[in-house]
Amino acid sequence: MAESQYAQLESKLNQLIELCQRLDKENAALKAREATWQQEKLRLVEKNELARSRVEAMIKRLKSLESEG
């Protein structure tokens, strides 16, 4: 291989290394964002379940008041 071919190969390898490093950082950032969204989803599911159980309790109470009256 000629010296210029080695230089081109080295340049391409350096570009690949930089790309891999960038993609690793991006991947880590995306995983962190996904974890945050998963936590938010769990929080909202819990909040929704609490609201649903409260509404169901209110409906039962209203039905019992209706049957008393």
PDB file of N, CA and C in Angstrom:
ATOM      1  N   MET A   1       0.843  -1.185   0.000  1.00  0.00           N
ATOM      2  CA  MET A   1       0.000   0.000   0.000  1.00  0.00           C
ATOM      3  C   MET A   1       0.883   1.240   0.000  1.00  0.00           C
ATOM      4  N   ALA A   2       0.439   2.213  -0.744  1.00  0.00           N
ATOM      5  CA  ALA A   2       1.183   3.465  -0.810  1.00  0.00           C
ATOM      6  C   ALA A   2       0.899   4.283   0.441  1.00  0.00           C
ATOM      7  N   GLU A   3       1.794   5.193   0.712  1.00  0.00           N
ATOM      8  CA  GLU A   3       1.658   6.050   1.904  1.00  0.00           C
ATOM      9  C   GLU A   3       0.353   6.838   1.883  1.00  0.00           C
ATOM     10  N   SER A   4      -0.062   7.308   0.701  1.00  0.00           N
ATOM     11  CA  SER A   4      -1.306   8.085   0.609  1.00  0.00           C
ATOM     12  C   SER A   4      -2.525   7.214   0.917  1.00  0.00           C
ATOM     13  N   GLN A   5      -2.464   5.949   0.553  1.00  0.00           N
ATOM     14  CA  GLN A   5      -3.575   5.047   0.860  1.00  0.00           C
ATOM     15  C   GLN A   5      -3.683   4.817   2.369  1.00  0.00           C
ATOM     16  N   TYR A   6      -2.532   4.709   3.032  1.00  0.00           N
ATOM     17  CA  TYR A   6      -2.538   4.571   4.493  1.00  0.00           C
ATOM     18  C   TYR A   6      -3.123   5.824   5.154  1.00  0.00           C
ATOM     19  N   ALA A   7      -2.768   6.966   4.611  1.00  0.00           N
ATOM     20  CA  ALA A   7      -3.274   8.225   5.159  1.00  0.00           C
ATOM     21  C   ALA A   7      -4.787   8.312   4.973  1.00  0.00           C
ATOM     22  N   GLN A   8      -5.272   7.905   3.800  1.00  0.00           N
ATOM     23  CA  GLN A   8      -6.716   7.911   3.548  1.00  0.00           C
ATOM     24  C   GLN A   8      -7.430   6.935   4.479  1.00  0.00           C
ATOM     25  N   LEU A   9      -6.840   5.755   4.649  1.00  0.00           N
ATOM     26  CA  LEU A   9      -7.425   4.754   5.532  1.00  0.00           C
ATOM     27  C   LEU A   9      -7.463   5.258   6.971  1.00  0.00           C
ATOM     28  N   GLU A  10      -6.373   5.893   7.400  1.00  0.00           N
ATOM     29  CA  GLU A  10      -6.322   6.447   8.752  1.00  0.00           C
ATOM     30  C   GLU A  10      -7.380   7.534   8.928  1.00  0.00           C
ATOM     31  N   SER A  11      -7.539   8.367   7.923  1.00  0.00           N
ATOM     32  CA  SER A  11      -8.536   9.431   7.982  1.00  0.00           C
ATOM     33  C   SER A  11      -9.945   8.847   8.084  1.00  0.00           C
ATOM     34  N   LYS A  12     -10.226   7.833   7.282  1.00  0.00           N
ATOM     35  CA  LYS A  12     -11.548   7.205   7.321  1.00  0.00           C
ATOM     36  C   LYS A  12     -11.788   6.519   8.664  1.00  0.00           C
ATOM     37  N   LEU A  13     -10.758   5.878   9.203  1.00  0.00           N
ATOM     38  CA  LEU A  13     -10.892   5.247  10.515  1.00  0.00           C
ATOM     39  C   LEU A  13     -11.170   6.284  11.597  1.00  0.00           C
ATOM     40  N   ASN A  14     -10.475   7.403  11.528  1.00  0.00           N
ATOM     41  CA  ASN A  14     -10.715   8.474  12.500  1.00  0.00           C
ATOM     42  C   ASN A  14     -12.144   9.006  12.396  1.00  0.00           C
ATOM     43  N   GLN A  15     -12.633   9.130  11.169  1.00  0.00           N
ATOM     44  CA  GLN A  15     -14.013   9.571  10.976  1.00  0.00           C
ATOM     45  C   GLN A  15     -14.998   8.562  11.565  1.00  0.00           C
ATOM     46  N   LEU A  16     -14.707   7.275  11.360  1.00  0.00           N
ATOM     47  CA  LEU A  16     -15.572   6.233  11.923  1.00  0.00           C
ATOM     48  C   LEU A  16     -15.552   6.254  13.444  1.00  0.00           C
ATOM     49  N   ILE A  17     -14.388   6.460  14.012  1.00  0.00           N
ATOM     50  CA  ILE A  17     -14.267   6.535  15.472  1.00  0.00           C
ATOM     51  C   ILE A  17     -15.074   7.712  16.003  1.00  0.00           C
ATOM     52  N   GLU A  18     -14.957   8.865  15.349  1.00  0.00           N
ATOM     53  CA  GLU A  18     -15.722  10.042  15.764  1.00  0.00           C
ATOM     54  C   GLU A  18     -17.225   9.792  15.644  1.00  0.00           C
ATOM     55  N   LEU A  19     -17.622   9.141  14.557  1.00  0.00           N
ATOM     56  CA  LEU A  19     -19.037   8.828  14.365  1.00  0.00           C
ATOM     57  C   LEU A  19     -19.534   7.895  15.471  1.00  0.00           C
ATOM     58  N   CYS A  20     -18.751   6.873  15.779  1.00  0.00           N
ATOM     59  CA  CYS A  20     -19.138   5.940  16.849  1.00  0.00           C
ATOM     60  C   CYS A  20     -19.253   6.660  18.188  1.00  0.00           C
ATOM     61  N   GLN A  21     -18.337   7.550  18.473  1.00  0.00           N
ATOM     62  CA  GLN A  21     -18.391   8.296  19.729  1.00  0.00           C
ATOM     63  C   GLN A  21     -19.627   9.183  19.785  1.00  0.00           C
ATOM     64  N   ARG A  22     -19.928   9.851  18.673  1.00  0.00           N
ATOM     65  CA  ARG A  22     -21.123  10.693  18.605  1.00  0.00           C
ATOM     66  C   ARG A  22     -22.388   9.864  18.795  1.00  0.00           C
ATOM     67  N   LEU A  23     -22.428   8.711  18.125  1.00  0.00           N
ATOM     68  CA  LEU A  23     -23.604   7.852  18.233  1.00  0.00           C
ATOM     69  C   LEU A  23     -23.750   7.279  19.638  1.00  0.00           C
ATOM     70  N   ASP A  24     -22.641   6.969  20.286  1.00  0.00           N
ATOM     71  CA  ASP A  24     -22.695   6.495  21.676  1.00  0.00           C
ATOM     72  C   ASP A  24     -23.294   7.557  22.586  1.00  0.00           C
ATOM     73  N   LYS A  25     -22.853   8.801  22.410  1.00  0.00           N
ATOM     74  CA  LYS A  25     -23.390   9.897  23.224  1.00  0.00           C
ATOM     75  C   LYS A  25     -24.880  10.094  22.947  1.00  0.00           C
ATOM     76  N   GLU A  26     -25.243  10.064  21.676  1.00  0.00           N
ATOM     77  CA  GLU A  26     -26.648  10.238  21.306  1.00  0.00           C
ATOM     78  C   GLU A  26     -27.494   9.101  21.875  1.00  0.00           C
ATOM     79  N   ASN A  27     -26.974   7.881  21.795  1.00  0.00           N
ATOM     80  CA  ASN A  27     -27.689   6.723  22.326  1.00  0.00           C
ATOM     81  C   ASN A  27     -27.897   6.852  23.833  1.00  0.00           C
ATOM     82  N   ALA A  28     -26.866   7.278  24.545  1.00  0.00           N
ATOM     83  CA  ALA A  28     -26.984   7.459  25.998  1.00  0.00           C
ATOM     84  C   ALA A  28     -28.028   8.526  26.323  1.00  0.00           C
ATOM     85  N   ALA A  29     -28.025   9.607  25.554  1.00  0.00           N
ATOM     86  CA  ALA A  29     -29.006  10.673  25.778  1.00  0.00           C
ATOM     87  C   ALA A  29     -30.424  10.174  25.507  1.00  0.00           C
ATOM     88  N   LEU A  30     -30.590   9.393  24.445  1.00  0.00           N
ATOM     89  CA  LEU A  30     -31.916   8.856  24.123  1.00  0.00           C
ATOM     90  C   LEU A  30     -32.391   7.876  25.192  1.00  0.00           C
ATOM     91  N   LYS A  31     -31.486   7.068  25.710  1.00  0.00           N
ATOM     92  CA  LYS A  31     -31.858   6.136  26.779  1.00  0.00           C
ATOM     93  C   LYS A  31     -32.281   6.893  28.035  1.00  0.00           C
ATOM     94  N   ALA A  32     -31.587   7.973  28.333  1.00  0.00           N
ATOM     95  CA  ALA A  32     -31.955   8.783  29.502  1.00  0.00           C
ATOM     96  C   ALA A  32     -33.332   9.404  29.301  1.00  0.00           C
ATOM     97  N   ARG A  33     -33.586   9.915  28.100  1.00  0.00           N
ATOM     98  CA  ARG A  33     -34.904  10.496  27.807  1.00  0.00           C
ATOM     99  C   ARG A  33     -35.994   9.437  27.893  1.00  0.00           C
ATOM    100  N   GLU A  34     -35.696   8.244  27.384  1.00  0.00           N
ATOM    101  CA  GLU A  34     -36.686   7.168  27.442  1.00  0.00           C
ATOM    102  C   GLU A  34     -37.001   6.813  28.893  1.00  0.00           C
ATOM    103  N   ALA A  35     -35.980   6.750  29.724  1.00  0.00           N
ATOM    104  CA  ALA A  35     -36.199   6.437  31.143  1.00  0.00           C
ATOM    105  C   ALA A  35     -37.078   7.503  31.796  1.00  0.00           C
ATOM    106  N   THR A  36     -36.833   8.760  31.449  1.00  0.00           N
ATOM    107  CA  THR A  36     -37.649   9.850  31.984  1.00  0.00           C
ATOM    108  C   THR A  36     -39.101   9.705  31.538  1.00  0.00           C
ATOM    109  N   TRP A  37     -39.298   9.388  30.253  1.00  0.00           N
ATOM    110  CA  TRP A  37     -40.666   9.220  29.744  1.00  0.00           C
ATOM    111  C   TRP A  37     -41.345   8.025  30.388  1.00  0.00           C
ATOM    112  N   GLN A  38     -40.584   6.956  30.648  1.00  0.00           N
ATOM    113  CA  GLN A  38     -41.171   5.781  31.303  1.00  0.00           C
ATOM    114  C   GLN A  38     -41.634   6.128  32.717  1.00  0.00           C
ATOM    115  N   GLN A  39     -40.822   6.900  33.425  1.00  0.00           N
ATOM    116  CA  GLN A  39     -41.206   7.329  34.775  1.00  0.00           C
ATOM    117  C   GLN A  39     -42.459   8.198  34.727  1.00  0.00           C
ATOM    118  N   GLU A  40     -42.504   9.102  33.761  1.00  0.00           N
ATOM    119  CA  GLU A  40     -43.676   9.971  33.602  1.00  0.00           C
ATOM    120  C   GLU A  40     -44.915   9.139  33.283  1.00  0.00           C
ATOM    121  N   LYS A  41     -44.747   8.141  32.422  1.00  0.00           N
ATOM    122  CA  LYS A  41     -45.870   7.272  32.069  1.00  0.00           C
ATOM    123  C   LYS A  41     -46.389   6.547  33.310  1.00  0.00           C
ATOM    124  N   LEU A  42     -45.485   5.999  34.120  1.00  0.00           N
ATOM    125  CA  LEU A  42     -45.904   5.309  35.342  1.00  0.00           C
ATOM    126  C   LEU A  42     -46.644   6.250  36.283  1.00  0.00           C
ATOM    127  N   ARG A  43     -46.124   7.464  36.413  1.00  0.00           N
ATOM    128  CA  ARG A  43     -46.770   8.450  37.281  1.00  0.00           C
ATOM    129  C   ARG A  43     -48.180   8.758  36.792  1.00  0.00           C
ATOM    130  N   LEU A  44     -48.336   8.920  35.490  1.00  0.00           N
ATOM    131  CA  LEU A  44     -49.652   9.231  34.931  1.00  0.00           C
ATOM    132  C   LEU A  44     -50.612   8.048  35.044  1.00  0.00           C
ATOM    133  N   VAL A  45     -50.105   6.838  34.882  1.00  0.00           N
ATOM    134  CA  VAL A  45     -50.957   5.654  35.042  1.00  0.00           C
ATOM    135  C   VAL A  45     -51.462   5.572  36.476  1.00  0.00           C
ATOM    136  N   GLU A  46     -50.568   5.796  37.436  1.00  0.00           N
ATOM    137  CA  GLU A  46     -50.972   5.779  38.845  1.00  0.00           C
ATOM    138  C   GLU A  46     -52.013   6.863  39.133  1.00  0.00           C
ATOM    139  N   LYS A  47     -51.775   8.045  38.590  1.00  0.00           N
ATOM    140  CA  LYS A  47     -52.710   9.150  38.788  1.00  0.00           C
ATOM    141  C   LYS A  47     -54.071   8.825  38.174  1.00  0.00           C
ATOM    142  N   ASN A  48     -54.052   8.214  37.009  1.00  0.00           N
ATOM    143  CA  ASN A  48     -55.284   7.828  36.333  1.00  0.00           C
ATOM    144  C   ASN A  48     -56.034   6.767  37.140  1.00  0.00           C
ATOM    145  N   GLU A  49     -55.321   5.799  37.668  1.00  0.00           N
ATOM    146  CA  GLU A  49     -55.955   4.757  38.487  1.00  0.00           C
ATOM    147  C   GLU A  49     -56.594   5.353  39.740  1.00  0.00           C
ATOM    148  N   LEU A  50     -55.894   6.283  40.369  1.00  0.00           N
ATOM    149  CA  LEU A  50     -56.439   6.939  41.555  1.00  0.00           C
ATOM    150  C   LEU A  50     -57.721   7.701  41.209  1.00  0.00           C
ATOM    151  N   ALA A  51     -57.687   8.436  40.106  1.00  0.00           N
ATOM    152  CA  ALA A  51     -58.873   9.194  39.681  1.00  0.00           C
ATOM    153  C   ALA A  51     -60.023   8.244  39.361  1.00  0.00           C
ATOM    154  N   ARG A  52     -59.723   7.136  38.696  1.00  0.00           N
ATOM    155  CA  ARG A  52     -60.766   6.176  38.344  1.00  0.00           C
ATOM    156  C   ARG A  52     -61.404   5.576  39.594  1.00  0.00           C
ATOM    157  N   SER A  53     -60.575   5.213  40.564  1.00  0.00           N
ATOM    158  CA  SER A  53     -61.134   4.623  41.788  1.00  0.00           C
ATOM    159  C   SER A  53     -61.967   5.646  42.560  1.00  0.00           C
ATOM    160  N   ARG A  54     -61.549   6.903  42.535  1.00  0.00           N
ATOM    161  CA  ARG A  54     -62.345   7.940  43.205  1.00  0.00           C
ATOM    162  C   ARG A  54     -63.686   8.147  42.519  1.00  0.00           C
ATOM    163  N   VAL A  55     -63.673   8.152  41.198  1.00  0.00           N
ATOM    164  CA  VAL A  55     -64.921   8.321  40.450  1.00  0.00           C
ATOM    165  C   VAL A  55     -65.843   7.135  40.708  1.00  0.00           C
ATOM    166  N   GLU A  56     -65.280   5.923  40.706  1.00  0.00           N
ATOM    167  CA  GLU A  56     -66.100   4.742  40.990  1.00  0.00           C
ATOM    168  C   GLU A  56     -66.702   4.817  42.392  1.00  0.00           C
ATOM    169  N   ALA A  57     -65.930   5.275  43.361  1.00  0.00           N
ATOM    170  CA  ALA A  57     -66.445   5.416  44.730  1.00  0.00           C
ATOM    171  C   ALA A  57     -67.568   6.443  44.778  1.00  0.00           C
ATOM    172  N   MET A  58     -67.412   7.547  44.050  1.00  0.00           N
ATOM    173  CA  MET A  58     -68.465   8.567  44.012  1.00  0.00           C
ATOM    174  C   MET A  58     -69.735   8.016  43.385  1.00  0.00           C
ATOM    175  N   ILE A  59     -69.588   7.243  42.324  1.00  0.00           N
ATOM    176  CA  ILE A  59     -70.757   6.657  41.661  1.00  0.00           C
ATOM    177  C   ILE A  59     -71.483   5.720  42.619  1.00  0.00           C
ATOM    178  N   LYS A  60     -70.734   4.891  43.336  1.00  0.00           N
ATOM    179  CA  LYS A  60     -71.358   3.981  44.305  1.00  0.00           C
ATOM    180  C   LYS A  60     -72.097   4.764  45.388  1.00  0.00           C
ATOM    181  N   ARG A  61     -71.456   5.822  45.861  1.00  0.00           N
ATOM    182  CA  ARG A  61     -72.081   6.638  46.900  1.00  0.00           C
ATOM    183  C   ARG A  61     -73.362   7.289  46.382  1.00  0.00           C
ATOM    184  N   LEU A  62     -73.309   7.800  45.166  1.00  0.00           N
ATOM    185  CA  LEU A  62     -74.507   8.413  44.578  1.00  0.00           C
ATOM    186  C   LEU A  62     -75.618   7.388  44.385  1.00  0.00           C
ATOM    187  N   LYS A  63     -75.259   6.187  43.960  1.00  0.00           N
ATOM    188  CA  LYS A  63     -76.275   5.146  43.783  1.00  0.00           C
ATOM    189  C   LYS A  63     -76.899   4.762  45.116  1.00  0.00           C
ATOM    190  N   SER A  64     -76.071   4.694  46.159  1.00  0.00           N
ATOM    191  CA  SER A  64     -76.623   4.344  47.474  1.00  0.00           C
ATOM    192  C   SER A  64     -77.527   5.462  47.992  1.00  0.00           C
ATOM    193  N   LEU A  65     -77.158   6.712  47.741  1.00  0.00           N
ATOM    194  CA  LEU A  65     -78.016   7.829  48.142  1.00  0.00           C
ATOM    195  C   LEU A  65     -79.323   7.822  47.351  1.00  0.00           C
ATOM    196  N   GLU A  66     -79.220   7.454  46.085  1.00  0.00           N
ATOM    197  CA  GLU A  66     -80.400   7.409  45.225  1.00  0.00           C
ATOM    198  C   GLU A  66     -81.369   6.321  45.698  1.00  0.00           C
ATOM    199  N   SER A  67     -80.833   5.178  46.092  1.00  0.00           N
ATOM    200  CA  SER A  67     -81.700   4.086  46.542  1.00  0.00           C
ATOM    201  C   SER A  67     -82.305   4.379  47.913  1.00  0.00           C
ATOM    202  N   GLU A  68     -81.632   5.200  48.716  1.00  0.00           N
ATOM    203  CA  GLU A  68     -82.165   5.588  50.026  1.00  0.00           C
ATOM    204  C   GLU A  68     -83.316   6.582  49.880  1.00  0.00           C
ATOM    205  N   GLY A  69     -83.199   7.405  48.855  1.00  0.00           N
ATOM    206  CA  GLY A  69     -84.165   8.487  48.708  1.00  0.00           C
ATOM    207  C   GLY A  69     -85.356   8.071  47.976  1.00  0.00           C
TER     208      GLY A  69
END
